[in-house]
Amino acid sequence: MLLLLSGVLSILQGIAGIAKDRLFGVPRYYEYRFDLTSWGWIHLVVGVALVIVGVGVLRAMSWGRAAGVTTASISLVTQFMFIPYYPLWSISVMALDLIILWGLARIAIT
């Protein structure tokens, strides 16, 4: 369920970025500075992938856990790179992604 939640949050973040919402600040000097629309598309694609994988994990598909770890890791990295634009949201979603990674790794070990 957390994968689905993280996916929905990333989709909403992506839609806000694509719509050029004034919610996000634009840092002046940042290594990973992209156009806000580009960030929107990145988050939208990652969010859709998270939702698809979340459904796979809920259905206990054989590829679910590995894909869940991979997509949650990608989401974690993209949120980390997005911190200067909207720190509280990014850190919250990063925490959620870490919980997802811990949960999927814990299931894989036991």
N, C-alpha and C. Protein backbone atom coordinates (compact mmCIF):
# COMPACT_ATOMS: atom_id res chain seq x y z
N MET A 1 0.82 -1.20 0.00
CA MET A 1 0.00 0.00 0.00
C MET A 1 0.86 1.26 0.00
N LEU A 2 2.03 1.19 0.67
CA LEU A 2 2.89 2.37 0.71
C LEU A 2 3.47 2.69 -0.66
N LEU A 3 3.73 1.66 -1.47
CA LEU A 3 4.18 1.92 -2.84
C LEU A 3 3.11 2.69 -3.62
N LEU A 4 1.87 2.30 -3.44
CA LEU A 4 0.78 3.02 -4.11
C LEU A 4 0.69 4.46 -3.63
N LEU A 5 0.83 4.65 -2.32
CA LEU A 5 0.78 6.00 -1.76
C LEU A 5 1.92 6.86 -2.29
N SER A 6 3.12 6.31 -2.30
CA SER A 6 4.27 7.05 -2.83
C SER A 6 4.08 7.36 -4.31
N GLY A 7 3.50 6.42 -5.04
CA GLY A 7 3.23 6.65 -6.45
C GLY A 7 2.22 7.76 -6.69
N VAL A 8 1.16 7.76 -5.92
CA VAL A 8 0.14 8.81 -6.06
C VAL A 8 0.73 10.17 -5.70
N LEU A 9 1.54 10.22 -4.64
CA LEU A 9 2.17 11.49 -4.27
C LEU A 9 3.12 11.98 -5.35
N SER A 10 3.87 11.07 -5.97
CA SER A 10 4.77 11.47 -7.05
C SER A 10 4.00 11.92 -8.28
N ILE A 11 2.89 11.26 -8.56
CA ILE A 11 2.05 11.68 -9.69
C ILE A 11 1.51 13.08 -9.46
N LEU A 12 1.03 13.36 -8.25
CA LEU A 12 0.54 14.70 -7.95
C LEU A 12 1.66 15.74 -8.04
N GLN A 13 2.84 15.38 -7.56
CA GLN A 13 3.98 16.28 -7.66
C GLN A 13 4.34 16.52 -9.12
N GLY A 14 4.27 15.48 -9.93
CA GLY A 14 4.56 15.62 -11.36
C GLY A 14 3.55 16.50 -12.07
N ILE A 15 2.29 16.33 -11.76
CA ILE A 15 1.24 17.15 -12.38
C ILE A 15 1.43 18.61 -12.01
N ALA A 16 1.78 18.86 -10.74
CA ALA A 16 2.01 20.25 -10.32
C ALA A 16 3.21 20.84 -11.04
N GLY A 17 4.24 20.05 -11.27
CA GLY A 17 5.40 20.56 -12.00
C GLY A 17 5.11 20.81 -13.46
N ILE A 18 4.35 19.92 -14.08
CA ILE A 18 4.01 20.09 -15.50
C ILE A 18 3.10 21.29 -15.70
N ALA A 19 2.20 21.52 -14.74
CA ALA A 19 1.27 22.64 -14.84
C ALA A 19 1.92 23.99 -14.52
N LYS A 20 3.22 23.96 -14.23
CA LYS A 20 3.98 25.17 -13.90
C LYS A 20 3.35 25.91 -12.73
N ASP A 21 3.03 25.15 -11.72
CA ASP A 21 2.46 25.71 -10.51
C ASP A 21 3.50 26.58 -9.81
N ARG A 22 3.08 27.61 -9.16
CA ARG A 22 4.00 28.49 -8.44
C ARG A 22 4.33 27.97 -7.04
N LEU A 23 3.94 26.72 -6.79
CA LEU A 23 4.19 26.11 -5.50
C LEU A 23 5.68 25.86 -5.28
N PHE A 24 6.41 25.56 -6.35
CA PHE A 24 7.81 25.21 -6.24
C PHE A 24 8.70 26.43 -6.40
N GLY A 25 9.74 26.51 -5.58
CA GLY A 25 10.74 27.55 -5.74
C GLY A 25 11.82 27.07 -6.70
N VAL A 26 12.49 27.99 -7.34
CA VAL A 26 13.54 27.62 -8.29
C VAL A 26 14.87 28.10 -7.72
N PRO A 27 15.76 27.17 -7.38
CA PRO A 27 17.06 27.58 -6.84
C PRO A 27 17.94 28.21 -7.92
N ARG A 28 18.77 29.15 -7.52
CA ARG A 28 19.64 29.80 -8.49
C ARG A 28 20.78 28.91 -8.93
N TYR A 29 21.51 28.39 -7.97
CA TYR A 29 22.68 27.59 -8.28
C TYR A 29 22.49 26.19 -7.70
N TYR A 30 22.34 25.23 -8.59
CA TYR A 30 22.13 23.86 -8.17
C TYR A 30 22.59 22.95 -9.29
N GLU A 31 23.34 21.93 -8.95
CA GLU A 31 23.92 21.05 -9.96
C GLU A 31 22.86 20.33 -10.79
N TYR A 32 21.79 19.91 -10.15
CA TYR A 32 20.76 19.13 -10.84
C TYR A 32 19.56 20.00 -11.20
N ARG A 33 19.84 21.21 -11.61
CA ARG A 33 18.78 22.14 -11.95
C ARG A 33 18.25 21.83 -13.34
N PHE A 34 17.00 21.40 -13.39
CA PHE A 34 16.29 21.16 -14.64
C PHE A 34 15.13 22.13 -14.70
N ASP A 35 14.55 22.22 -15.86
CA ASP A 35 13.31 22.97 -16.01
C ASP A 35 12.24 22.30 -15.15
N LEU A 36 11.37 23.08 -14.56
CA LEU A 36 10.35 22.52 -13.68
C LEU A 36 9.43 21.55 -14.42
N THR A 37 9.20 21.79 -15.70
CA THR A 37 8.40 20.85 -16.48
C THR A 37 9.11 19.51 -16.62
N SER A 38 10.42 19.54 -16.78
CA SER A 38 11.19 18.28 -16.86
C SER A 38 11.07 17.51 -15.56
N TRP A 39 11.20 18.21 -14.43
CA TRP A 39 11.03 17.55 -13.15
C TRP A 39 9.62 16.98 -13.02
N GLY A 40 8.64 17.71 -13.53
CA GLY A 40 7.27 17.21 -13.48
C GLY A 40 7.11 15.90 -14.23
N TRP A 41 7.69 15.81 -15.42
CA TRP A 41 7.61 14.57 -16.19
C TRP A 41 8.37 13.44 -15.52
N ILE A 42 9.53 13.75 -14.93
CA ILE A 42 10.29 12.73 -14.21
C ILE A 42 9.47 12.16 -13.07
N HIS A 43 8.86 13.03 -12.27
CA HIS A 43 8.06 12.56 -11.14
C HIS A 43 6.80 11.84 -11.60
N LEU A 44 6.22 12.27 -12.69
CA LEU A 44 5.04 11.59 -13.21
C LEU A 44 5.37 10.17 -13.65
N VAL A 45 6.46 10.00 -14.37
CA VAL A 45 6.87 8.67 -14.84
C VAL A 45 7.22 7.76 -13.66
N VAL A 46 7.98 8.30 -12.71
CA VAL A 46 8.34 7.50 -11.52
C VAL A 46 7.08 7.15 -10.73
N GLY A 47 6.14 8.07 -10.61
CA GLY A 47 4.90 7.81 -9.89
C GLY A 47 4.07 6.72 -10.54
N VAL A 48 3.96 6.75 -11.85
CA VAL A 48 3.20 5.71 -12.56
C VAL A 48 3.89 4.35 -12.36
N ALA A 49 5.22 4.34 -12.43
CA ALA A 49 5.96 3.09 -12.20
C ALA A 49 5.72 2.57 -10.79
N LEU A 50 5.71 3.46 -9.81
CA LEU A 50 5.46 3.05 -8.43
C LEU A 50 4.06 2.46 -8.26
N VAL A 51 3.08 3.04 -8.90
CA VAL A 51 1.71 2.52 -8.81
C VAL A 51 1.63 1.13 -9.45
N ILE A 52 2.24 0.97 -10.61
CA ILE A 52 2.21 -0.33 -11.30
C ILE A 52 2.90 -1.40 -10.46
N VAL A 53 4.06 -1.06 -9.92
CA VAL A 53 4.79 -2.01 -9.08
C VAL A 53 4.03 -2.28 -7.78
N GLY A 54 3.40 -1.26 -7.23
CA GLY A 54 2.61 -1.46 -6.02
C GLY A 54 1.48 -2.45 -6.23
N VAL A 55 0.83 -2.37 -7.37
CA VAL A 55 -0.21 -3.35 -7.70
C VAL A 55 0.40 -4.74 -7.83
N GLY A 56 1.59 -4.82 -8.44
CA GLY A 56 2.27 -6.10 -8.56
C GLY A 56 2.64 -6.70 -7.22
N VAL A 57 3.09 -5.88 -6.29
CA VAL A 57 3.43 -6.37 -4.96
C VAL A 57 2.17 -6.84 -4.23
N LEU A 58 1.08 -6.08 -4.34
CA LEU A 58 -0.17 -6.48 -3.69
C LEU A 58 -0.73 -7.79 -4.24
N ARG A 59 -0.47 -8.03 -5.51
CA ARG A 59 -0.93 -9.28 -6.13
C ARG A 59 0.08 -10.41 -5.95
N ALA A 60 1.16 -10.16 -5.22
CA ALA A 60 2.21 -11.14 -4.93
C ALA A 60 2.83 -11.70 -6.21
N MET A 61 3.06 -10.81 -7.17
CA MET A 61 3.73 -11.22 -8.41
C MET A 61 5.19 -11.54 -8.11
N SER A 62 5.78 -12.43 -8.89
CA SER A 62 7.16 -12.85 -8.63
C SER A 62 8.15 -11.71 -8.81
N TRP A 63 7.87 -10.78 -9.67
CA TRP A 63 8.78 -9.67 -9.94
C TRP A 63 8.53 -8.48 -9.02
N GLY A 64 7.53 -8.58 -8.17
CA GLY A 64 7.08 -7.43 -7.38
C GLY A 64 8.10 -6.86 -6.42
N ARG A 65 8.72 -7.74 -5.63
CA ARG A 65 9.65 -7.22 -4.62
C ARG A 65 10.88 -6.58 -5.24
N ALA A 66 11.47 -7.23 -6.22
CA ALA A 66 12.67 -6.68 -6.87
C ALA A 66 12.34 -5.37 -7.57
N ALA A 67 11.22 -5.33 -8.27
CA ALA A 67 10.81 -4.10 -8.94
C ALA A 67 10.46 -3.03 -7.91
N GLY A 68 9.89 -3.42 -6.78
CA GLY A 68 9.56 -2.47 -5.72
C GLY A 68 10.80 -1.82 -5.14
N VAL A 69 11.81 -2.63 -4.88
CA VAL A 69 13.07 -2.08 -4.36
C VAL A 69 13.69 -1.14 -5.38
N THR A 70 13.67 -1.53 -6.65
CA THR A 70 14.26 -0.70 -7.70
C THR A 70 13.53 0.62 -7.86
N THR A 71 12.21 0.58 -7.96
CA THR A 71 11.47 1.82 -8.18
C THR A 71 11.47 2.72 -6.94
N ALA A 72 11.42 2.12 -5.76
CA ALA A 72 11.50 2.94 -4.54
C ALA A 72 12.88 3.60 -4.43
N SER A 73 13.92 2.90 -4.86
CA SER A 73 15.27 3.49 -4.86
C SER A 73 15.36 4.64 -5.85
N ILE A 74 14.79 4.46 -7.02
CA ILE A 74 14.79 5.53 -8.02
C ILE A 74 13.99 6.73 -7.50
N SER A 75 12.86 6.47 -6.88
CA SER A 75 12.06 7.54 -6.30
C SER A 75 12.84 8.28 -5.21
N LEU A 76 13.55 7.53 -4.39
CA LEU A 76 14.35 8.13 -3.32
C LEU A 76 15.41 9.07 -3.90
N VAL A 77 16.08 8.64 -4.95
CA VAL A 77 17.13 9.47 -5.56
C VAL A 77 16.52 10.71 -6.22
N THR A 78 15.41 10.54 -6.93
CA THR A 78 14.81 11.72 -7.58
C THR A 78 14.28 12.71 -6.55
N GLN A 79 13.74 12.22 -5.46
CA GLN A 79 13.28 13.14 -4.41
C GLN A 79 14.46 13.85 -3.76
N PHE A 80 15.57 13.14 -3.58
CA PHE A 80 16.77 13.77 -3.02
C PHE A 80 17.26 14.90 -3.94
N MET A 81 17.23 14.66 -5.23
CA MET A 81 17.67 15.68 -6.19
C MET A 81 16.69 16.85 -6.26
N PHE A 82 15.46 16.64 -5.83
CA PHE A 82 14.42 17.66 -5.91
C PHE A 82 14.32 18.50 -4.62
N ILE A 83 15.11 18.19 -3.61
CA ILE A 83 15.03 18.87 -2.31
C ILE A 83 15.06 20.39 -2.41
N PRO A 84 15.94 21.01 -3.20
CA PRO A 84 15.97 22.49 -3.22
C PRO A 84 14.68 23.13 -3.75
N TYR A 85 13.89 22.39 -4.52
CA TYR A 85 12.67 22.95 -5.07
C TYR A 85 11.53 22.97 -4.06
N TYR A 86 11.40 21.89 -3.28
CA TYR A 86 10.31 21.79 -2.31
C TYR A 86 10.74 20.84 -1.20
N PRO A 87 11.50 21.35 -0.22
CA PRO A 87 12.17 20.50 0.76
C PRO A 87 11.25 19.63 1.63
N LEU A 88 10.20 20.20 2.18
CA LEU A 88 9.36 19.41 3.10
C LEU A 88 8.68 18.23 2.41
N TRP A 89 8.19 18.48 1.22
CA TRP A 89 7.53 17.42 0.46
C TRP A 89 8.55 16.34 0.09
N SER A 90 9.70 16.74 -0.39
CA SER A 90 10.72 15.78 -0.82
C SER A 90 11.21 14.94 0.35
N ILE A 91 11.45 15.55 1.48
CA ILE A 91 11.93 14.80 2.64
C ILE A 91 10.86 13.85 3.14
N SER A 92 9.61 14.26 3.09
CA SER A 92 8.51 13.38 3.51
C SER A 92 8.41 12.16 2.61
N VAL A 93 8.48 12.37 1.31
CA VAL A 93 8.39 11.25 0.37
C VAL A 93 9.65 10.38 0.47
N MET A 94 10.80 11.00 0.74
CA MET A 94 12.03 10.21 0.94
C MET A 94 11.88 9.30 2.16
N ALA A 95 11.30 9.80 3.23
CA ALA A 95 11.07 8.97 4.41
C ALA A 95 10.13 7.81 4.08
N LEU A 96 9.10 8.09 3.31
CA LEU A 96 8.17 7.05 2.89
C LEU A 96 8.89 6.01 2.03
N ASP A 97 9.74 6.46 1.13
CA ASP A 97 10.50 5.52 0.29
C ASP A 97 11.46 4.67 1.12
N LEU A 98 12.05 5.24 2.14
CA LEU A 98 12.92 4.46 3.02
C LEU A 98 12.14 3.39 3.77
N ILE A 99 10.94 3.72 4.22
CA ILE A 99 10.09 2.73 4.89
C ILE A 99 9.72 1.61 3.91
N ILE A 100 9.44 1.97 2.67
CA ILE A 100 9.13 0.98 1.64
C ILE A 100 10.32 0.06 1.43
N LEU A 101 11.51 0.64 1.28
CA LEU A 101 12.71 -0.17 1.08
C LEU A 101 12.96 -1.10 2.26
N TRP A 102 12.80 -0.59 3.46
CA TRP A 102 12.98 -1.42 4.65
C TRP A 102 11.98 -2.57 4.66
N GLY A 103 10.73 -2.26 4.37
CA GLY A 103 9.69 -3.29 4.38
C GLY A 103 9.91 -4.36 3.32
N LEU A 104 10.27 -3.95 2.12
CA LEU A 104 10.50 -4.94 1.06
C LEU A 104 11.75 -5.76 1.33
N ALA A 105 12.78 -5.15 1.89
CA ALA A 105 13.98 -5.90 2.22
C ALA A 105 13.71 -6.87 3.37
N ARG A 106 12.90 -6.46 4.30
CA ARG A 106 12.56 -7.31 5.44
C ARG A 106 11.76 -8.52 4.98
N ILE A 107 10.85 -8.32 4.04
CA ILE A 107 10.07 -9.42 3.50
C ILE A 107 10.97 -10.39 2.75
N ALA A 108 11.94 -9.85 2.01
CA ALA A 108 12.83 -10.69 1.20
C ALA A 108 13.73 -11.54 2.08
N ILE A 109 14.10 -11.05 3.25
CA ILE A 109 15.01 -11.78 4.13
C ILE A 109 14.27 -12.91 4.85
N THR A 110 13.05 -12.66 5.27
CA THR A 110 12.33 -13.68 6.05
C THR A 110 11.64 -14.70 5.20
